[in-house]
C-alpha atoms as a PDB file:
ATOM      1  CA  MET A   1       5.181 -41.379 -64.456  1.00  0.00           C
ATOM      2  CA  LYS A   2       1.498 -41.351 -63.842  1.00  0.00           C
ATOM      3  CA  THR A   3       2.232 -42.097 -60.180  1.00  0.00           C
ATOM      4  CA  ILE A   4       4.433 -39.033 -59.896  1.00  0.00           C
ATOM      5  CA  ARG A   5       1.776 -36.809 -61.457  1.00  0.00           C
ATOM      6  CA  ARG A   6      -0.796 -38.046 -58.972  1.00  0.00           C
ATOM      7  CA  LYS A   7       1.464 -37.154 -56.057  1.00  0.00           C
ATOM      8  CA  TRP A   8       1.972 -33.666 -57.446  1.00  0.00           C
ATOM      9  CA  TRP A   9      -1.732 -33.314 -57.979  1.00  0.00           C
ATOM     10  CA  LEU A  10      -2.389 -34.357 -54.349  1.00  0.00           C
ATOM     11  CA  LEU A  11      -0.011 -31.729 -52.909  1.00  0.00           C
ATOM     12  CA  PRO A  12      -2.232 -28.734 -53.682  1.00  0.00           C
ATOM     13  CA  ALA A  13      -5.225 -30.592 -52.289  1.00  0.00           C
ATOM     14  CA  ALA A  14      -3.274 -31.503 -49.117  1.00  0.00           C
ATOM     15  CA  ALA A  15      -2.097 -27.914 -48.778  1.00  0.00           C
ATOM     16  CA  VAL A  16      -5.650 -26.603 -49.100  1.00  0.00           C
ATOM     17  CA  LEU A  17      -6.854 -29.184 -46.569  1.00  0.00           C
ATOM     18  CA  SER A  18      -4.045 -28.218 -44.153  1.00  0.00           C
ATOM     19  CA  LEU A  19      -4.897 -24.540 -44.488  1.00  0.00           C
ATOM     20  CA  MET A  20      -8.551 -25.290 -43.812  1.00  0.00           C
ATOM     21  CA  MET A  21      -7.618 -27.233 -40.660  1.00  0.00           C
ATOM     22  CA  ILE A  22      -5.321 -24.414 -39.462  1.00  0.00           C
ATOM     23  CA  ALA A  23      -8.029 -21.865 -40.136  1.00  0.00           C
ATOM     24  CA  ALA A  24     -10.562 -23.940 -38.208  1.00  0.00           C
ATOM     25  CA  CYS A  25      -8.187 -24.249 -35.231  1.00  0.00           C
ATOM     26  CA  SER A  26      -7.351 -20.556 -35.440  1.00  0.00           C
ATOM     27  CA  LYS A  27     -11.056 -19.704 -35.396  1.00  0.00           C
ATOM     28  CA  ASP A  28     -11.487 -21.794 -32.225  1.00  0.00           C
ATOM     29  CA  VAL A  29      -8.522 -20.012 -30.634  1.00  0.00           C
ATOM     30  CA  MET A  30      -9.865 -16.649 -31.829  1.00  0.00           C
ATOM     31  CA  ASP A  31     -13.351 -17.402 -30.446  1.00  0.00           C
ATOM     32  CA  GLU A  32     -11.784 -18.374 -27.105  1.00  0.00           C
ATOM     33  CA  ALA A  33      -9.674 -15.189 -27.053  1.00  0.00           C
ATOM     34  CA  GLU A  34     -12.752 -13.087 -27.841  1.00  0.00           C
ATOM     35  CA  LEU A  35     -14.721 -14.790 -25.055  1.00  0.00           C
ATOM     36  CA  THR A  36     -11.866 -14.189 -22.611  1.00  0.00           C
ATOM     37  CA  ALA A  37     -11.671 -10.541 -23.637  1.00  0.00           C
ATOM     38  CA  GLN A  38     -15.431 -10.175 -23.185  1.00  0.00           C
ATOM     39  CA  ALA A  39     -15.351 -11.927 -19.813  1.00  0.00           C
ATOM     40  CA  SER A  40     -12.600  -9.665 -18.455  1.00  0.00           C
ATOM     41  CA  PRO A  41     -12.825  -6.268 -20.142  1.00  0.00           C
ATOM     42  CA  VAL A  42     -10.162  -3.721 -19.330  1.00  0.00           C
ATOM     43  CA  ASN A  43     -11.688  -1.498 -16.659  1.00  0.00           C
ATOM     44  CA  GLN A  44     -10.352   2.061 -16.641  1.00  0.00           C
ATOM     45  CA  GLU A  45     -11.219   2.550 -12.956  1.00  0.00           C
ATOM     46  CA  GLU A  46      -9.397  -0.671 -12.071  1.00  0.00           C
ATOM     47  CA  MET A  47      -6.323   0.448 -14.020  1.00  0.00           C
ATOM     48  CA  VAL A  48      -6.328   3.804 -12.217  1.00  0.00           C
ATOM     49  CA  ALA A  49      -6.749   2.044  -8.857  1.00  0.00           C
ATOM     50  CA  ASN A  50      -3.848  -0.283  -9.654  1.00  0.00           C
ATOM     51  CA  ARG A  51      -1.646   2.709 -10.504  1.00  0.00           C
ATOM     52  CA  GLY A  52      -2.753   4.301  -7.206  1.00  0.00           C
ATOM     53  CA  ASN A  53      -1.930   1.098  -5.313  1.00  0.00           C
ATOM     54  CA  PHE A  54       1.498   0.950  -6.933  1.00  0.00           C
ATOM     55  CA  ALA A  55       2.207   4.601  -6.018  1.00  0.00           C
ATOM     56  CA  ARG A  56       0.955   4.077  -2.450  1.00  0.00           C
ATOM     57  CA  ASN A  57       3.019   0.899  -2.019  1.00  0.00           C
ATOM     58  CA  HIS A  58       6.070   2.718  -3.358  1.00  0.00           C
ATOM     59  CA  LEU A  59       5.473   5.539  -0.853  1.00  0.00           C
ATOM     60  CA  LEU A  60       5.045   3.017   1.997  1.00  0.00           C
ATOM     61  CA  ALA A  61       8.342   1.385   1.020  1.00  0.00           C
ATOM     62  CA  GLN A  62      10.067   4.784   1.082  1.00  0.00           C
ATOM     63  CA  VAL A  63       8.634   5.540   4.541  1.00  0.00           C
ATOM     64  CA  SER A  64       9.778   2.151   5.820  1.00  0.00           C
ATOM     65  CA  ARG A  65      13.293   2.743   4.479  1.00  0.00           C
ATOM     66  CA  ALA A  66      13.396   6.234   6.022  1.00  0.00           C
ATOM     67  CA  THR A  67      12.213   5.031   9.438  1.00  0.00           C
ATOM     68  CA  ALA A  68      14.006   1.674   9.654  1.00  0.00           C
ATOM     69  CA  LYS A  69      16.755   3.249  11.751  1.00  0.00           C
ATOM     70  CA  TYR A  70      14.145   4.033  14.428  1.00  0.00           C
ATOM     71  CA  GLN A  71      13.723   0.346  15.213  1.00  0.00           C
ATOM     72  CA  ARG A  72      16.180   1.294  17.923  1.00  0.00           C
ATOM     73  CA  VAL A  73      14.401   3.877  20.108  1.00  0.00           C
ATOM     74  CA  GLU A  74      17.815   5.281  21.120  1.00  0.00           C
ATOM     75  CA  VAL A  75      18.292   6.476  17.533  1.00  0.00           C
ATOM     76  CA  ALA A  76      14.854   8.143  17.575  1.00  0.00           C
ATOM     77  CA  ILE A  77      15.715   9.940  20.832  1.00  0.00           C
ATOM     78  CA  ALA A  78      19.054  11.078  19.380  1.00  0.00           C
ATOM     79  CA  ASP A  79      17.123  12.508  16.380  1.00  0.00           C
ATOM     80  CA  GLY A  80      14.834  14.598  18.622  1.00  0.00           C
ATOM     81  CA  TYR A  81      11.900  12.274  19.285  1.00  0.00           C
ATOM     82  CA  VAL A  82      10.713  12.265  22.910  1.00  0.00           C
ATOM     83  CA  GLU A  83       8.148  10.068  24.615  1.00  0.00           C
ATOM     84  CA  ALA A  84       4.924  12.058  24.526  1.00  0.00           C
ATOM     85  CA  SER A  85       2.347   9.586  25.836  1.00  0.00           C
ATOM     86  CA  PRO A  86       1.883   6.449  27.838  1.00  0.00           C
ATOM     87  CA  CYS A  87       0.646   3.500  25.794  1.00  0.00           C
ATOM     88  CA  VAL A  88      -2.655   4.641  24.237  1.00  0.00           C
ATOM     89  CA  TYR A  89      -5.357   1.948  24.335  1.00  0.00           C
ATOM     90  CA  ASN A  90      -9.039   1.934  23.306  1.00  0.00           C
ATOM     91  CA  GLU A  91     -11.126  -0.443  25.469  1.00  0.00           C
ATOM     92  CA  GLU A  92     -14.120  -0.452  23.094  1.00  0.00           C
ATOM     93  CA  LEU A  93     -12.023  -1.483  20.115  1.00  0.00           C
ATOM     94  CA  GLY A  94      -9.639  -3.680  22.047  1.00  0.00           C
ATOM     95  CA  ALA A  95      -6.887  -1.953  20.099  1.00  0.00           C
ATOM     96  CA  ALA A  96      -3.967   0.336  20.808  1.00  0.00           C
ATOM     97  CA  MET A  97      -1.841   3.048  19.236  1.00  0.00           C
ATOM     98  CA  GLY A  98       1.124   2.319  21.452  1.00  0.00           C
ATOM     99  CA  TYR A  99       3.642   4.805  22.837  1.00  0.00           C
ATOM    100  CA  HIS A 100       4.017   8.046  20.900  1.00  0.00           C
ATOM    101  CA  PHE A 101       7.476   9.528  20.465  1.00  0.00           C
ATOM    102  CA  VAL A 102       7.089  12.998  18.927  1.00  0.00           C
ATOM    103  CA  ASN A 103       9.603  15.327  17.358  1.00  0.00           C
ATOM    104  CA  GLU A 104       8.025  18.716  18.080  1.00  0.00           C
ATOM    105  CA  ASP A 105      10.334  20.448  15.575  1.00  0.00           C
ATOM    106  CA  LEU A 106       8.532  18.545  12.816  1.00  0.00           C
ATOM    107  CA  VAL A 107       4.990  19.505  13.925  1.00  0.00           C
ATOM    108  CA  ASP A 108       4.210  22.301  11.476  1.00  0.00           C
ATOM    109  CA  PRO A 109       1.930  23.016   8.461  1.00  0.00           C
ATOM    110  CA  PHE A 110       4.088  20.929   6.104  1.00  0.00           C
ATOM    111  CA  PHE A 111       3.850  17.239   5.220  1.00  0.00           C
ATOM    112  CA  ASP A 112       7.008  15.312   4.450  1.00  0.00           C
ATOM    113  CA  PRO A 113       6.241  11.574   4.277  1.00  0.00           C
ATOM    114  CA  LEU A 114       9.884  10.717   4.993  1.00  0.00           C
ATOM    115  CA  LYS A 115       9.906  12.729   8.240  1.00  0.00           C
ATOM    116  CA  PRO A 116       6.959  11.619  10.388  1.00  0.00           C
ATOM    117  CA  GLU A 117       6.177  13.833  13.354  1.00  0.00           C
ATOM    118  CA  ALA A 118       5.563  10.829  15.613  1.00  0.00           C
ATOM    119  CA  LEU A 119       6.847   7.283  15.897  1.00  0.00           C
ATOM    120  CA  LEU A 120       4.620   4.569  17.383  1.00  0.00           C
ATOM    121  CA  TYR A 121       6.124   1.880  19.616  1.00  0.00           C
ATOM    122  CA  GLU A 122       4.901  -1.085  21.606  1.00  0.00           C
ATOM    123  CA  ARG A 123       6.726  -2.809  24.413  1.00  0.00           C
ATOM    124  CA  GLY A 124       7.842  -6.334  23.562  1.00  0.00           C
ATOM    125  CA  LYS A 125       7.938  -9.326  25.891  1.00  0.00           C
ATOM    126  CA  ASN A 126      11.589  -8.526  26.586  1.00  0.00           C
ATOM    127  CA  GLY A 127      10.586  -5.007  27.739  1.00  0.00           C
ATOM    128  CA  LYS A 128      12.198  -3.272  24.760  1.00  0.00           C
ATOM    129  CA  LEU A 129      10.255  -0.828  22.621  1.00  0.00           C
ATOM    130  CA  LYS A 130       9.587  -1.938  19.064  1.00  0.00           C
ATOM    131  CA  LEU A 131       8.594   0.389  16.205  1.00  0.00           C
ATOM    132  CA  VAL A 132       5.123  -0.490  14.880  1.00  0.00           C
ATOM    133  CA  GLY A 133       4.119   2.570  12.854  1.00  0.00           C
ATOM    134  CA  VAL A 134       4.357   6.283  12.275  1.00  0.00           C
ATOM    135  CA  GLU A 135       1.988   9.210  12.688  1.00  0.00           C
ATOM    136  CA  TYR A 136       1.845  12.425  10.728  1.00  0.00           C
ATOM    137  CA  ILE A 137       0.600  15.634  12.347  1.00  0.00           C
ATOM    138  CA  VAL A 138       0.098  18.637  10.078  1.00  0.00           C
ATOM    139  CA  ILE A 139      -1.032  21.994  11.513  1.00  0.00           C
ATOM    140  CA  ASP A 140      -4.007  23.339   9.525  1.00  0.00           C
ATOM    141  CA  VAL A 141      -3.350  26.889   8.334  1.00  0.00           C
ATOM    142  CA  GLY A 142      -5.863  26.740   5.477  1.00  0.00           C
ATOM    143  CA  GLN A 143      -3.712  24.722   3.065  1.00  0.00           C
ATOM    144  CA  PRO A 144      -5.245  21.975   0.907  1.00  0.00           C
ATOM    145  CA  HIS A 145      -6.198  18.818   2.800  1.00  0.00           C
ATOM    146  CA  PRO A 146      -3.063  16.638   2.942  1.00  0.00           C
ATOM    147  CA  HIS A 147      -3.034  13.121   1.498  1.00  0.00           C
ATOM    148  CA  PHE A 148      -0.742  10.149   1.925  1.00  0.00           C
ATOM    149  CA  GLY A 149      -0.645   9.064  -1.705  1.00  0.00           C
ATOM    150  CA  ASP A 150      -4.356   9.190  -2.488  1.00  0.00           C
ATOM    151  CA  HIS A 151      -5.481   8.578   1.122  1.00  0.00           C
ATOM    152  CA  PRO A 152      -6.751  11.722   2.932  1.00  0.00           C
ATOM    153  CA  PHE A 153      -5.548  12.607   6.425  1.00  0.00           C
ATOM    154  CA  ASP A 154      -7.989  12.589   9.355  1.00  0.00           C
ATOM    155  CA  VAL A 155      -9.152  15.973  10.633  1.00  0.00           C
ATOM    156  CA  GLY A 156      -7.840  16.379  14.186  1.00  0.00           C
ATOM    157  CA  GLY A 157      -7.137  13.204  16.095  1.00  0.00           C
ATOM    158  CA  THR A 158      -4.350  14.200  18.466  1.00  0.00           C
ATOM    159  CA  PRO A 159      -4.190  16.323  21.614  1.00  0.00           C
ATOM    160  CA  VAL A 160      -2.537  19.165  19.640  1.00  0.00           C
ATOM    161  CA  PRO A 161      -4.347  22.347  20.822  1.00  0.00           C
ATOM    162  CA  VAL A 162      -4.722  23.873  17.323  1.00  0.00           C
ATOM    163  CA  ASP A 163      -6.561  22.792  14.171  1.00  0.00           C
ATOM    164  CA  HIS A 164      -4.621  20.019  12.529  1.00  0.00           C
ATOM    165  CA  TYR A 165      -4.676  16.890  10.406  1.00  0.00           C
ATOM    166  CA  SER A 166      -3.262  13.538  11.449  1.00  0.00           C
ATOM    167  CA  LEU A 167      -2.701  10.120   9.975  1.00  0.00           C
ATOM    168  CA  HIS A 168      -1.474   6.841  11.447  1.00  0.00           C
ATOM    169  CA  VAL A 169       0.421   4.546   9.095  1.00  0.00           C
ATOM    170  CA  TRP A 170       1.005   0.983  10.307  1.00  0.00           C
ATOM    171  CA  ASN A 171       3.991   0.267   8.100  1.00  0.00           C
ATOM    172  CA  TRP A 172       5.804  -1.856  10.718  1.00  0.00           C
ATOM    173  CA  LYS A 173       2.927  -3.965  12.098  1.00  0.00           C
ATOM    174  CA  HIS A 174      -0.108  -5.275  10.223  1.00  0.00           C
ATOM    175  CA  ASN A 175      -3.407  -3.658  11.200  1.00  0.00           C
ATOM    176  CA  PRO A 176      -6.479  -5.789  10.367  1.00  0.00           C
ATOM    177  CA  LEU A 177      -8.611  -2.630  10.690  1.00  0.00           C
ATOM    178  CA  GLY A 178      -6.669  -0.994   7.868  1.00  0.00           C
ATOM    179  CA  MET A 179      -3.285   0.515   7.144  1.00  0.00           C
ATOM    180  CA  TYR A 180      -4.473   4.015   8.174  1.00  0.00           C
ATOM    181  CA  PHE A 181      -6.940   3.252  10.982  1.00  0.00           C
ATOM    182  CA  PRO A 182      -5.828   5.060  14.182  1.00  0.00           C
ATOM    183  CA  PHE A 183      -5.975   1.980  16.452  1.00  0.00           C
ATOM    184  CA  ASN A 184      -4.425  -1.413  15.821  1.00  0.00           C
ATOM    185  CA  PRO A 185      -5.721  -4.568  17.602  1.00  0.00           C
ATOM    186  CA  ASN A 186      -2.339  -6.229  16.960  1.00  0.00           C
ATOM    187  CA  VAL A 187      -0.636  -3.628  19.166  1.00  0.00           C
ATOM    188  CA  SER A 188      -0.656  -4.310  22.888  1.00  0.00           C
ATOM    189  CA  CYS A 189      -0.220  -2.128  25.953  1.00  0.00           C
ATOM    190  CA  ASN A 190       0.445  -5.139  28.210  1.00  0.00           C
END
């Protein structure tokens, strides 16, 4: 019987020892978690920027869905877009805008991201026009400066003879100079 009592007496000691070991491990895990939290604090500006990026990416996806049908230039022409320029190229930048197809009925003081005023095309090796981006043209009548998501439009920028805002969006062809930069070195006039 003495043997049994010793085993029972050892159980509380083993339990206390186990708890001490768990606590020690937990402290190490807690210290590591605290260090991680200190090394990467939650940055309010970063959170706001991420929300802005999500909203902008969502808007870009909507624009791409709305303009996908214009991959075929015949559909754009049927919807009122007409070729308004030869292929626009900037020698200094070594970059192009491509061919502009404009729907003049959409050029007004209102901005609807799902109805771009202009479609941007480049001619492929097979000679067919391929959609590479869109352009928005908003006549300035004193309204607040338009924005695409949180990105402001450029002031002027097209040969429209009245005050206006414009913005190129390269949603169909990557632009290494930026999604909203007017010229794209990946677009060719050759």
